[in-house]
Amino acid sequence: TFSETHNCLTVYISLLNSDLRTSRARLLEMFTDTTCDPEIMKNATDTYFSLLQGFIASLDGTKQENKLRFMQNFKWTDTLQGNTPSAQQDAIFELVSMAFNVAIWHAKFASRLAGKENVTEVEAKDVHRSLKFAAGIFKHLKEVYIPRLITPAEKGRDLDPRVMDTYMVQCKAEAQEVTIARVIELKHNATLIAALAFETANFYQKADHTLNTLEPECSSKWRNYLQLKQHFYMAYAYCYHGQTLLASDKCGESIKSLQEAEKCYSRAEALCKEYRQTKGPGSTAKPSEQLFFTTLGGLIKITLQKCERENGFMPNPSRKKRLSQ
């Protein structure tokens, strides 16, 4: 009867809500649990999103909208615009907001792992895997779920397509940073390192340009970070390109390349200072004091000095000619 069907549906919704609240609370705890690893995170997300689909997926297998989708109001704060929450009575808004945070967790997990000294090959693969997974989530949300929101994504907030695109490109850039560190450790040739560094700098430049139409008050600090990374990896590229030129006895060109490396490195140092002083969401870290940063500064200086010494030893053909006359 109608009454029995209604009672069954009421019980179903009540149980679904209870399980959803429990799994949601557990997943939120995982975001700040330092012992959480990708496997634990996967189990928590699988449980939560499978329950959430009960509010989104069609109940009869058709394309008809699930009426449960609009039963609850969900609130989320924003990474760029502080503690002012956004709210929508839409389960898809909850899905994209929670999945966004899952992607951020994977990116941060990769960052913590990559920040260790002497990253092993296995750990490097884990970093790549986490960053690739995070980028995939951002891409899927942007292309599949965000267009389905009843209320369009607000400009400058987490679900803004420009923010999503920036995170996607930044994940690619950070994955390549680990590759660069590995090829340097394994003493691959300077030409390969220069090419990878140049490509990484371009990734960071692209990410920065994606944000240039956002309001400065919510994007300035992020853009400072992307710009300092761009100049840092351009300095890397010029430094290792200079080594390639030196190996080919092109001392004059190698000196010019190392001088460009010095300029890029100096600009990166200045941007590090700006980054620390700029207010806004973001880390309070001091990149210019990190070992990877100071190591490059020393390498540029030593390589330039070597180029200048080699250049001083190079014979001057015109001088020889004058002496023979």
C-alpha atoms as a PDB file:
ATOM      1  CA  THR A   1       0.000   0.000   0.000  1.00  0.00           C
ATOM      2  CA  PHE A   2       0.938   3.660  -0.294  1.00  0.00           C
ATOM      3  CA  SER A   3       1.306   3.933   3.482  1.00  0.00           C
ATOM      4  CA  GLU A   4       3.689   0.975   3.683  1.00  0.00           C
ATOM      5  CA  THR A   5       5.752   2.278   0.782  1.00  0.00           C
ATOM      6  CA  HIS A   6       5.940   5.699   2.419  1.00  0.00           C
ATOM      7  CA  ASN A   7       7.043   4.174   5.730  1.00  0.00           C
ATOM      8  CA  CYS A   8       9.742   2.097   4.012  1.00  0.00           C
ATOM      9  CA  LEU A   9      11.035   5.194   2.218  1.00  0.00           C
ATOM     10  CA  THR A  10      11.092   7.133   5.486  1.00  0.00           C
ATOM     11  CA  VAL A  11      13.124   4.401   7.185  1.00  0.00           C
ATOM     12  CA  TYR A  12      15.489   4.214   4.184  1.00  0.00           C
ATOM     13  CA  ILE A  13      16.105   7.958   4.265  1.00  0.00           C
ATOM     14  CA  SER A  14      16.605   7.940   8.036  1.00  0.00           C
ATOM     15  CA  LEU A  15      19.176   5.128   7.869  1.00  0.00           C
ATOM     16  CA  LEU A  16      20.915   6.744   4.907  1.00  0.00           C
ATOM     17  CA  ASN A  17      21.151  10.066   6.748  1.00  0.00           C
ATOM     18  CA  SER A  18      22.559   8.396   9.852  1.00  0.00           C
ATOM     19  CA  ASP A  19      25.205   6.452   7.931  1.00  0.00           C
ATOM     20  CA  LEU A  20      26.047   9.538   5.872  1.00  0.00           C
ATOM     21  CA  ARG A  21      26.637  11.687   8.981  1.00  0.00           C
ATOM     22  CA  THR A  22      28.873   9.031  10.547  1.00  0.00           C
ATOM     23  CA  SER A  23      30.991   8.463   7.423  1.00  0.00           C
ATOM     24  CA  ARG A  24      31.181  12.207   6.762  1.00  0.00           C
ATOM     25  CA  ALA A  25      32.516  12.901  10.257  1.00  0.00           C
ATOM     26  CA  ARG A  26      35.118  10.155   9.834  1.00  0.00           C
ATOM     27  CA  LEU A  27      36.249  11.506   6.464  1.00  0.00           C
ATOM     28  CA  LEU A  28      36.581  15.046   7.828  1.00  0.00           C
ATOM     29  CA  GLU A  29      38.771  13.678  10.642  1.00  0.00           C
ATOM     30  CA  MET A  30      41.033  12.012   8.070  1.00  0.00           C
ATOM     31  CA  PHE A  31      41.871  15.396   6.488  1.00  0.00           C
ATOM     32  CA  THR A  32      43.755  16.486   9.623  1.00  0.00           C
ATOM     33  CA  ASP A  33      45.032  13.075  10.779  1.00  0.00           C
ATOM     34  CA  THR A  34      48.788  12.985  10.139  1.00  0.00           C
ATOM     35  CA  THR A  35      48.803   9.168  10.299  1.00  0.00           C
ATOM     36  CA  CYS A  36      46.345   8.897   7.403  1.00  0.00           C
ATOM     37  CA  ASP A  37      47.762   7.402   4.202  1.00  0.00           C
ATOM     38  CA  PRO A  38      46.246   7.051   0.694  1.00  0.00           C
ATOM     39  CA  GLU A  39      44.823   3.591   1.444  1.00  0.00           C
ATOM     40  CA  ILE A  40      43.002   4.791   4.579  1.00  0.00           C
ATOM     41  CA  MET A  41      41.793   7.856   2.679  1.00  0.00           C
ATOM     42  CA  LYS A  42      40.520   5.664  -0.169  1.00  0.00           C
ATOM     43  CA  ASN A  43      38.480   3.505   2.192  1.00  0.00           C
ATOM     44  CA  ALA A  44      36.956   6.547   3.899  1.00  0.00           C
ATOM     45  CA  THR A  45      36.108   8.291   0.617  1.00  0.00           C
ATOM     46  CA  ASP A  46      34.672   5.146  -0.985  1.00  0.00           C
ATOM     47  CA  THR A  47      32.342   4.652   1.971  1.00  0.00           C
ATOM     48  CA  TYR A  48      31.193   8.267   2.062  1.00  0.00           C
ATOM     49  CA  PHE A  49      30.688   8.838  -1.656  1.00  0.00           C
ATOM     50  CA  SER A  50      28.855   5.526  -2.115  1.00  0.00           C
ATOM     51  CA  LEU A  51      26.347   6.662   0.534  1.00  0.00           C
ATOM     52  CA  LEU A  52      26.121  10.157  -0.928  1.00  0.00           C
ATOM     53  CA  GLN A  53      25.194   8.649  -4.292  1.00  0.00           C
ATOM     54  CA  GLY A  54      21.946   7.563  -2.605  1.00  0.00           C
ATOM     55  CA  PHE A  55      20.961  11.244  -2.734  1.00  0.00           C
ATOM     56  CA  ILE A  56      22.194  11.803  -6.293  1.00  0.00           C
ATOM     57  CA  ALA A  57      21.801   8.700  -8.459  1.00  0.00           C
ATOM     58  CA  SER A  58      18.409   8.092 -10.053  1.00  0.00           C
ATOM     59  CA  LEU A  59      16.364   5.639  -7.975  1.00  0.00           C
ATOM     60  CA  ASP A  60      14.718   4.005 -10.968  1.00  0.00           C
ATOM     61  CA  GLY A  61      17.714   3.822 -13.281  1.00  0.00           C
ATOM     62  CA  THR A  62      16.441   6.597 -15.571  1.00  0.00           C
ATOM     63  CA  LYS A  63      17.776  10.109 -16.130  1.00  0.00           C
ATOM     64  CA  GLN A  64      15.108  11.512 -13.860  1.00  0.00           C
ATOM     65  CA  GLU A  65      16.485  13.671 -11.029  1.00  0.00           C
ATOM     66  CA  ASN A  66      16.670  12.042  -7.586  1.00  0.00           C
ATOM     67  CA  LYS A  67      14.308  14.010  -5.347  1.00  0.00           C
ATOM     68  CA  LEU A  68      16.517  13.319  -2.334  1.00  0.00           C
ATOM     69  CA  ARG A  69      19.220  15.473  -3.942  1.00  0.00           C
ATOM     70  CA  PHE A  70      17.667  18.698  -2.658  1.00  0.00           C
ATOM     71  CA  MET A  71      16.619  17.558   0.832  1.00  0.00           C
ATOM     72  CA  GLN A  72      19.597  18.844   2.824  1.00  0.00           C
ATOM     73  CA  ASN A  73      21.483  22.097   3.051  1.00  0.00           C
ATOM     74  CA  PHE A  74      25.280  21.822   2.932  1.00  0.00           C
ATOM     75  CA  LYS A  75      27.756  24.513   4.005  1.00  0.00           C
ATOM     76  CA  TRP A  76      31.442  24.792   3.147  1.00  0.00           C
ATOM     77  CA  THR A  77      34.056  27.459   3.820  1.00  0.00           C
ATOM     78  CA  ASP A  78      36.555  28.415   1.131  1.00  0.00           C
ATOM     79  CA  THR A  79      40.338  28.071   0.823  1.00  0.00           C
ATOM     80  CA  LEU A  80      40.743  31.483  -0.847  1.00  0.00           C
ATOM     81  CA  GLN A  81      38.034  33.606   0.751  1.00  0.00           C
ATOM     82  CA  GLY A  82      38.384  32.779   4.423  1.00  0.00           C
ATOM     83  CA  ASN A  83      35.668  31.709   6.824  1.00  0.00           C
ATOM     84  CA  THR A  84      32.639  33.018   4.938  1.00  0.00           C
ATOM     85  CA  PRO A  85      30.710  29.847   4.090  1.00  0.00           C
ATOM     86  CA  SER A  86      28.923  28.998   0.865  1.00  0.00           C
ATOM     87  CA  ALA A  87      25.692  27.056   1.223  1.00  0.00           C
ATOM     88  CA  GLN A  88      23.558  25.127  -1.240  1.00  0.00           C
ATOM     89  CA  GLN A  89      20.655  22.752  -0.745  1.00  0.00           C
ATOM     90  CA  ASP A  90      22.127  20.306  -3.191  1.00  0.00           C
ATOM     91  CA  ALA A  91      23.873  16.950  -2.666  1.00  0.00           C
ATOM     92  CA  ILE A  92      26.053  17.590  -5.742  1.00  0.00           C
ATOM     93  CA  PHE A  93      27.406  20.713  -4.044  1.00  0.00           C
ATOM     94  CA  GLU A  94      28.375  18.468  -1.130  1.00  0.00           C
ATOM     95  CA  LEU A  95      29.970  15.962  -3.509  1.00  0.00           C
ATOM     96  CA  VAL A  96      32.138  18.509  -5.328  1.00  0.00           C
ATOM     97  CA  SER A  97      33.113  20.282  -2.091  1.00  0.00           C
ATOM     98  CA  MET A  98      34.131  17.076  -0.331  1.00  0.00           C
ATOM     99  CA  ALA A  99      35.918  15.723  -3.419  1.00  0.00           C
ATOM    100  CA  PHE A 100      37.764  19.042  -3.731  1.00  0.00           C
ATOM    101  CA  ASN A 101      39.088  18.550  -0.197  1.00  0.00           C
ATOM    102  CA  VAL A 102      40.080  14.963  -0.986  1.00  0.00           C
ATOM    103  CA  ALA A 103      42.134  16.283  -3.927  1.00  0.00           C
ATOM    104  CA  ILE A 104      43.762  18.906  -1.697  1.00  0.00           C
ATOM    105  CA  TRP A 105      44.622  16.177   0.832  1.00  0.00           C
ATOM    106  CA  HIS A 106      46.373  14.104  -1.854  1.00  0.00           C
ATOM    107  CA  ALA A 107      48.325  17.168  -3.040  1.00  0.00           C
ATOM    108  CA  LYS A 108      49.420  17.945   0.528  1.00  0.00           C
ATOM    109  CA  PHE A 109      50.310  14.314   1.198  1.00  0.00           C
ATOM    110  CA  ALA A 110      52.533  14.389  -1.890  1.00  0.00           C
ATOM    111  CA  SER A 111      54.107  17.650  -0.729  1.00  0.00           C
ATOM    112  CA  ARG A 112      54.956  16.212   2.701  1.00  0.00           C
ATOM    113  CA  LEU A 113      56.463  13.102   1.130  1.00  0.00           C
ATOM    114  CA  ALA A 114      58.459  15.092  -1.432  1.00  0.00           C
ATOM    115  CA  GLY A 115      59.770  17.385   1.312  1.00  0.00           C
ATOM    116  CA  LYS A 116      61.677  14.546   2.974  1.00  0.00           C
ATOM    117  CA  GLU A 117      65.440  14.257   2.618  1.00  0.00           C
ATOM    118  CA  ASN A 118      66.650  11.521   0.262  1.00  0.00           C
ATOM    119  CA  VAL A 119      63.323  10.639  -1.346  1.00  0.00           C
ATOM    120  CA  THR A 120      63.481   7.035  -2.568  1.00  0.00           C
ATOM    121  CA  GLU A 121      62.299   5.852  -5.955  1.00  0.00           C
ATOM    122  CA  VAL A 122      59.250   4.211  -4.357  1.00  0.00           C
ATOM    123  CA  GLU A 123      58.380   7.439  -2.517  1.00  0.00           C
ATOM    124  CA  ALA A 124      58.860   9.453  -5.710  1.00  0.00           C
ATOM    125  CA  LYS A 125      56.346   7.170  -7.428  1.00  0.00           C
ATOM    126  CA  ASP A 126      53.916   7.676  -4.525  1.00  0.00           C
ATOM    127  CA  VAL A 127      54.265  11.450  -4.921  1.00  0.00           C
ATOM    128  CA  HIS A 128      53.550  11.196  -8.651  1.00  0.00           C
ATOM    129  CA  ARG A 129      50.586   8.920  -8.010  1.00  0.00           C
ATOM    130  CA  SER A 130      49.023  11.252  -5.427  1.00  0.00           C
ATOM    131  CA  LEU A 131      49.495  14.374  -7.559  1.00  0.00           C
ATOM    132  CA  LYS A 132      48.135  12.626 -10.648  1.00  0.00           C
ATOM    133  CA  PHE A 133      45.119  11.461  -8.624  1.00  0.00           C
ATOM    134  CA  ALA A 134      44.525  14.983  -7.286  1.00  0.00           C
ATOM    135  CA  ALA A 135      44.738  16.509 -10.773  1.00  0.00           C
ATOM    136  CA  GLY A 136      42.288  13.872 -12.028  1.00  0.00           C
ATOM    137  CA  ILE A 137      39.764  14.789  -9.321  1.00  0.00           C
ATOM    138  CA  PHE A 138      39.972  18.510 -10.162  1.00  0.00           C
ATOM    139  CA  LYS A 139      39.509  17.743 -13.856  1.00  0.00           C
ATOM    140  CA  HIS A 140      36.554  15.386 -13.284  1.00  0.00           C
ATOM    141  CA  LEU A 141      34.781  17.841 -10.991  1.00  0.00           C
ATOM    142  CA  LYS A 142      35.234  20.706 -13.428  1.00  0.00           C
ATOM    143  CA  GLU A 143      34.017  18.741 -16.444  1.00  0.00           C
ATOM    144  CA  VAL A 144      31.298  16.495 -14.960  1.00  0.00           C
ATOM    145  CA  TYR A 145      29.850  17.696 -11.668  1.00  0.00           C
ATOM    146  CA  ILE A 146      30.312  21.472 -11.391  1.00  0.00           C
ATOM    147  CA  PRO A 147      28.222  22.079 -14.562  1.00  0.00           C
ATOM    148  CA  ARG A 148      25.383  20.154 -12.859  1.00  0.00           C
ATOM    149  CA  LEU A 149      25.157  22.555  -9.897  1.00  0.00           C
ATOM    150  CA  ILE A 150      21.815  24.377  -9.691  1.00  0.00           C
ATOM    151  CA  THR A 151      23.609  27.476  -8.375  1.00  0.00           C
ATOM    152  CA  PRO A 152      26.676  28.222 -10.557  1.00  0.00           C
ATOM    153  CA  ALA A 153      30.101  28.263  -8.915  1.00  0.00           C
ATOM    154  CA  GLU A 154      30.838  31.669  -7.413  1.00  0.00           C
ATOM    155  CA  LYS A 155      33.686  33.661  -8.933  1.00  0.00           C
ATOM    156  CA  GLY A 156      36.928  33.462  -7.004  1.00  0.00           C
ATOM    157  CA  ARG A 157      35.815  30.533  -4.866  1.00  0.00           C
ATOM    158  CA  ASP A 158      37.135  26.983  -4.828  1.00  0.00           C
ATOM    159  CA  LEU A 159      34.763  25.728  -7.514  1.00  0.00           C
ATOM    160  CA  ASP A 160      35.570  28.559  -9.949  1.00  0.00           C
ATOM    161  CA  PRO A 161      36.913  26.894 -13.163  1.00  0.00           C
ATOM    162  CA  ARG A 162      39.996  29.135 -13.038  1.00  0.00           C
ATOM    163  CA  VAL A 163      40.843  27.866  -9.560  1.00  0.00           C
ATOM    164  CA  MET A 164      40.311  24.273 -10.685  1.00  0.00           C
ATOM    165  CA  ASP A 165      42.533  24.783 -13.742  1.00  0.00           C
ATOM    166  CA  THR A 166      45.272  26.325 -11.593  1.00  0.00           C
ATOM    167  CA  TYR A 167      45.274  23.397  -9.187  1.00  0.00           C
ATOM    168  CA  MET A 168      45.446  20.944 -12.112  1.00  0.00           C
ATOM    169  CA  VAL A 169      48.505  22.655 -13.642  1.00  0.00           C
ATOM    170  CA  GLN A 170      50.176  23.108 -10.250  1.00  0.00           C
ATOM    171  CA  CYS A 171      49.841  19.371  -9.579  1.00  0.00           C
ATOM    172  CA  LYS A 172      51.620  18.674 -12.886  1.00  0.00           C
ATOM    173  CA  ALA A 173      54.385  21.125 -12.002  1.00  0.00           C
ATOM    174  CA  GLU A 174      54.918  19.667  -8.531  1.00  0.00           C
ATOM    175  CA  ALA A 175      55.040  16.126  -9.921  1.00  0.00           C
ATOM    176  CA  GLN A 176      57.758  17.249 -12.325  1.00  0.00           C
ATOM    177  CA  GLU A 177      59.733  18.794  -9.461  1.00  0.00           C
ATOM    178  CA  VAL A 178      60.171  15.305  -8.018  1.00  0.00           C
ATOM    179  CA  THR A 179      61.320  14.054 -11.424  1.00  0.00           C
ATOM    180  CA  ILE A 180      63.936  16.808 -11.574  1.00  0.00           C
ATOM    181  CA  ALA A 181      65.219  15.964  -8.099  1.00  0.00           C
ATOM    182  CA  ARG A 182      65.540  12.295  -9.086  1.00  0.00           C
ATOM    183  CA  VAL A 183      67.380  12.912 -12.364  1.00  0.00           C
ATOM    184  CA  ILE A 184      69.814  15.227 -10.568  1.00  0.00           C
ATOM    185  CA  GLU A 185      70.389  12.610  -7.856  1.00  0.00           C
ATOM    186  CA  LEU A 186      70.953   9.935 -10.519  1.00  0.00           C
ATOM    187  CA  LYS A 187      73.392  12.285 -12.317  1.00  0.00           C
ATOM    188  CA  HIS A 188      71.602  12.366 -15.658  1.00  0.00           C
ATOM    189  CA  ASN A 189      72.979  14.726 -18.305  1.00  0.00           C
ATOM    190  CA  ALA A 190      72.561  18.467 -17.935  1.00  0.00           C
ATOM    191  CA  THR A 191      70.570  18.782 -21.180  1.00  0.00           C
ATOM    192  CA  LEU A 192      67.741  16.627 -19.784  1.00  0.00           C
ATOM    193  CA  ILE A 193      67.695  18.506 -16.467  1.00  0.00           C
ATOM    194  CA  ALA A 194      67.567  21.871 -18.254  1.00  0.00           C
ATOM    195  CA  ALA A 195      64.679  20.719 -20.456  1.00  0.00           C
ATOM    196  CA  LEU A 196      62.671  19.415 -17.493  1.00  0.00           C
ATOM    197  CA  ALA A 197      63.317  22.582 -15.485  1.00  0.00           C
ATOM    198  CA  PHE A 198      62.249  24.779 -18.419  1.00  0.00           C
ATOM    199  CA  GLU A 199      59.016  22.790 -18.816  1.00  0.00           C
ATOM    200  CA  THR A 200      58.326  23.020 -15.070  1.00  0.00           C
ATOM    201  CA  ALA A 201      58.845  26.798 -15.137  1.00  0.00           C
ATOM    202  CA  ASN A 202      56.329  27.001 -17.984  1.00  0.00           C
ATOM    203  CA  PHE A 203      53.797  24.991 -15.950  1.00  0.00           C
ATOM    204  CA  TYR A 204      54.098  27.470 -13.089  1.00  0.00           C
ATOM    205  CA  GLN A 205      53.809  30.403 -15.484  1.00  0.00           C
ATOM    206  CA  LYS A 206      50.647  28.918 -16.991  1.00  0.00           C
ATOM    207  CA  ALA A 207      49.161  28.399 -13.515  1.00  0.00           C
ATOM    208  CA  ASP A 208      49.962  32.012 -12.592  1.00  0.00           C
ATOM    209  CA  HIS A 209      48.383  33.374 -15.772  1.00  0.00           C
ATOM    210  CA  THR A 210      45.226  31.371 -15.067  1.00  0.00           C
ATOM    211  CA  LEU A 211      44.768  33.362 -11.847  1.00  0.00           C
ATOM    212  CA  ASN A 212      45.421  36.830 -13.285  1.00  0.00           C
ATOM    213  CA  THR A 213      41.712  37.668 -13.562  1.00  0.00           C
ATOM    214  CA  LEU A 214      40.912  36.785  -9.933  1.00  0.00           C
ATOM    215  CA  GLU A 215      40.626  39.490  -7.276  1.00  0.00           C
ATOM    216  CA  PRO A 216      44.128  40.301  -5.918  1.00  0.00           C
ATOM    217  CA  GLU A 217      43.049  40.088  -2.267  1.00  0.00           C
ATOM    218  CA  CYS A 218      42.332  36.378  -2.605  1.00  0.00           C
ATOM    219  CA  SER A 219      44.973  35.395  -5.176  1.00  0.00           C
ATOM    220  CA  SER A 220      48.067  37.574  -4.593  1.00  0.00           C
ATOM    221  CA  LYS A 221      49.829  35.227  -2.180  1.00  0.00           C
ATOM    222  CA  TRP A 222      49.133  32.203  -4.350  1.00  0.00           C
ATOM    223  CA  ARG A 223      50.376  34.052  -7.439  1.00  0.00           C
ATOM    224  CA  ASN A 224      53.561  35.073  -5.590  1.00  0.00           C
ATOM    225  CA  TYR A 225      54.223  31.417  -4.866  1.00  0.00           C
ATOM    226  CA  LEU A 226      53.655  30.384  -8.494  1.00  0.00           C
ATOM    227  CA  GLN A 227      55.877  33.215  -9.759  1.00  0.00           C
ATOM    228  CA  LEU A 228      58.748  32.437  -7.399  1.00  0.00           C
ATOM    229  CA  LYS A 229      58.609  28.789  -8.488  1.00  0.00           C
ATOM    230  CA  GLN A 230      58.588  29.858 -12.144  1.00  0.00           C
ATOM    231  CA  HIS A 231      61.717  31.985 -11.722  1.00  0.00           C
ATOM    232  CA  PHE A 232      63.386  29.353  -9.554  1.00  0.00           C
ATOM    233  CA  TYR A 233      63.031  26.688 -12.244  1.00  0.00           C
ATOM    234  CA  MET A 234      64.046  29.101 -14.988  1.00  0.00           C
ATOM    235  CA  ALA A 235      67.235  29.631 -12.959  1.00  0.00           C
ATOM    236  CA  TYR A 236      67.640  25.844 -12.871  1.00  0.00           C
ATOM    237  CA  ALA A 237      67.138  25.655 -16.639  1.00  0.00           C
ATOM    238  CA  TYR A 238      69.702  28.387 -17.399  1.00  0.00           C
ATOM    239  CA  CYS A 239      72.191  26.879 -14.942  1.00  0.00           C
ATOM    240  CA  TYR A 240      72.122  23.405 -16.480  1.00  0.00           C
ATOM    241  CA  HIS A 241      71.951  24.787 -20.018  1.00  0.00           C
ATOM    242  CA  GLY A 242      75.129  26.690 -19.167  1.00  0.00           C
ATOM    243  CA  GLN A 243      76.766  23.413 -18.133  1.00  0.00           C
ATOM    244  CA  THR A 244      75.800  21.890 -21.499  1.00  0.00           C
ATOM    245  CA  LEU A 245      77.340  24.840 -23.341  1.00  0.00           C
ATOM    246  CA  LEU A 246      80.509  24.651 -21.245  1.00  0.00           C
ATOM    247  CA  ALA A 247      80.889  20.964 -22.092  1.00  0.00           C
ATOM    248  CA  SER A 248      80.807  21.987 -25.766  1.00  0.00           C
ATOM    249  CA  ASP A 249      83.562  24.573 -25.180  1.00  0.00           C
ATOM    250  CA  LYS A 250      81.114  27.439 -25.713  1.00  0.00           C
ATOM    251  CA  CYS A 251      82.398  29.400 -22.740  1.00  0.00           C
ATOM    252  CA  GLY A 252      81.078  32.802 -23.780  1.00  0.00           C
ATOM    253  CA  GLU A 253      77.548  31.469 -24.274  1.00  0.00           C
ATOM    254  CA  SER A 254      77.715  29.464 -21.069  1.00  0.00           C
ATOM    255  CA  ILE A 255      78.656  32.618 -19.107  1.00  0.00           C
ATOM    256  CA  LYS A 256      75.621  34.426 -20.549  1.00  0.00           C
ATOM    257  CA  SER A 257      73.392  31.508 -19.603  1.00  0.00           C
ATOM    258  CA  LEU A 258      74.719  31.468 -16.031  1.00  0.00           C
ATOM    259  CA  GLN A 259      74.267  35.235 -15.770  1.00  0.00           C
ATOM    260  CA  GLU A 260      70.611  34.756 -16.742  1.00  0.00           C
ATOM    261  CA  ALA A 261      70.396  32.049 -14.070  1.00  0.00           C
ATOM    262  CA  GLU A 262      71.677  34.573 -11.515  1.00  0.00           C
ATOM    263  CA  LYS A 263      69.000  37.098 -12.573  1.00  0.00           C
ATOM    264  CA  CYS A 264      66.202  34.520 -12.301  1.00  0.00           C
ATOM    265  CA  TYR A 265      67.487  33.330  -8.940  1.00  0.00           C
ATOM    266  CA  SER A 266      67.642  36.897  -7.609  1.00  0.00           C
ATOM    267  CA  ARG A 267      64.082  37.499  -8.792  1.00  0.00           C
ATOM    268  CA  ALA A 268      62.979  34.285  -7.064  1.00  0.00           C
ATOM    269  CA  GLU A 269      64.646  35.486  -3.833  1.00  0.00           C
ATOM    270  CA  ALA A 270      62.783  38.802  -4.050  1.00  0.00           C
ATOM    271  CA  LEU A 271      59.487  36.978  -4.655  1.00  0.00           C
ATOM    272  CA  CYS A 272      60.170  34.776  -1.607  1.00  0.00           C
ATOM    273  CA  LYS A 273      60.325  37.939   0.484  1.00  0.00           C
ATOM    274  CA  GLU A 274      57.102  39.233  -1.088  1.00  0.00           C
ATOM    275  CA  TYR A 275      55.442  35.889  -0.446  1.00  0.00           C
ATOM    276  CA  ARG A 276      56.252  36.043   3.282  1.00  0.00           C
ATOM    277  CA  GLN A 277      54.961  39.610   3.551  1.00  0.00           C
ATOM    278  CA  THR A 278      51.791  39.204   1.471  1.00  0.00           C
ATOM    279  CA  LYS A 279      48.617  38.643   3.457  1.00  0.00           C
ATOM    280  CA  GLY A 280      46.194  35.993   2.362  1.00  0.00           C
ATOM    281  CA  PRO A 281      45.576  32.254   2.444  1.00  0.00           C
ATOM    282  CA  GLY A 282      48.662  30.125   2.064  1.00  0.00           C
ATOM    283  CA  SER A 283      51.656  28.679   3.842  1.00  0.00           C
ATOM    284  CA  THR A 284      53.897  30.686   6.190  1.00  0.00           C
ATOM    285  CA  ALA A 285      56.934  28.752   4.924  1.00  0.00           C
ATOM    286  CA  LYS A 286      60.142  30.532   3.905  1.00  0.00           C
ATOM    287  CA  PRO A 287      61.173  28.927   0.576  1.00  0.00           C
ATOM    288  CA  SER A 288      64.414  30.921   0.318  1.00  0.00           C
ATOM    289  CA  GLU A 289      65.679  29.244   3.519  1.00  0.00           C
ATOM    290  CA  GLN A 290      64.981  25.708   2.294  1.00  0.00           C
ATOM    291  CA  LEU A 291      67.909  23.490   1.320  1.00  0.00           C
ATOM    292  CA  PHE A 292      66.715  22.992  -2.275  1.00  0.00           C
ATOM    293  CA  PHE A 293      66.692  26.775  -2.753  1.00  0.00           C
ATOM    294  CA  THR A 294      70.070  27.584  -1.231  1.00  0.00           C
ATOM    295  CA  THR A 295      71.702  24.625  -3.011  1.00  0.00           C
ATOM    296  CA  LEU A 296      70.777  26.057  -6.409  1.00  0.00           C
ATOM    297  CA  GLY A 297      72.229  29.456  -5.467  1.00  0.00           C
ATOM    298  CA  GLY A 298      75.572  27.839  -4.641  1.00  0.00           C
ATOM    299  CA  LEU A 299      75.512  25.724  -7.816  1.00  0.00           C
ATOM    300  CA  ILE A 300      74.934  28.777 -10.031  1.00  0.00           C
ATOM    301  CA  LYS A 301      77.833  30.636  -8.373  1.00  0.00           C
ATOM    302  CA  ILE A 302      80.271  27.720  -8.652  1.00  0.00           C
ATOM    303  CA  THR A 303      79.315  26.955 -12.253  1.00  0.00           C
ATOM    304  CA  LEU A 304      79.645  30.592 -13.319  1.00  0.00           C
ATOM    305  CA  GLN A 305      83.099  30.817 -11.729  1.00  0.00           C
ATOM    306  CA  LYS A 306      84.124  27.654 -13.567  1.00  0.00           C
ATOM    307  CA  CYS A 307      82.867  29.080 -16.876  1.00  0.00           C
ATOM    308  CA  GLU A 308      84.806  32.298 -16.322  1.00  0.00           C
ATOM    309  CA  ARG A 309      87.994  30.388 -15.492  1.00  0.00           C
ATOM    310  CA  GLU A 310      87.612  28.187 -18.569  1.00  0.00           C
ATOM    311  CA  ASN A 311      86.961  31.257 -20.680  1.00  0.00           C
ATOM    312  CA  GLY A 312      90.188  32.820 -19.394  1.00  0.00           C
ATOM    313  CA  PHE A 313      92.148  29.755 -20.488  1.00  0.00           C
ATOM    314  CA  MET A 314      90.699  29.741 -23.983  1.00  0.00           C
ATOM    315  CA  PRO A 315      93.263  30.795 -26.638  1.00  0.00           C
ATOM    316  CA  ASN A 316      92.539  33.982 -28.542  1.00  0.00           C
ATOM    317  CA  PRO A 317      93.041  33.231 -32.289  1.00  0.00           C
ATOM    318  CA  SER A 318      93.408  36.890 -33.273  1.00  0.00           C
ATOM    319  CA  ARG A 319      96.123  37.406 -30.651  1.00  0.00           C
ATOM    320  CA  LYS A 320      98.080  34.388 -31.955  1.00  0.00           C
ATOM    321  CA  LYS A 321      97.870  35.772 -35.452  1.00  0.00           C
ATOM    322  CA  ARG A 322      99.297  39.148 -34.357  1.00  0.00           C
ATOM    323  CA  LEU A 323     102.169  37.456 -32.525  1.00  0.00           C
ATOM    324  CA  SER A 324     103.094  35.375 -35.564  1.00  0.00           C
ATOM    325  CA  GLN A 325     103.265  38.501 -37.683  1.00  0.00           C
END
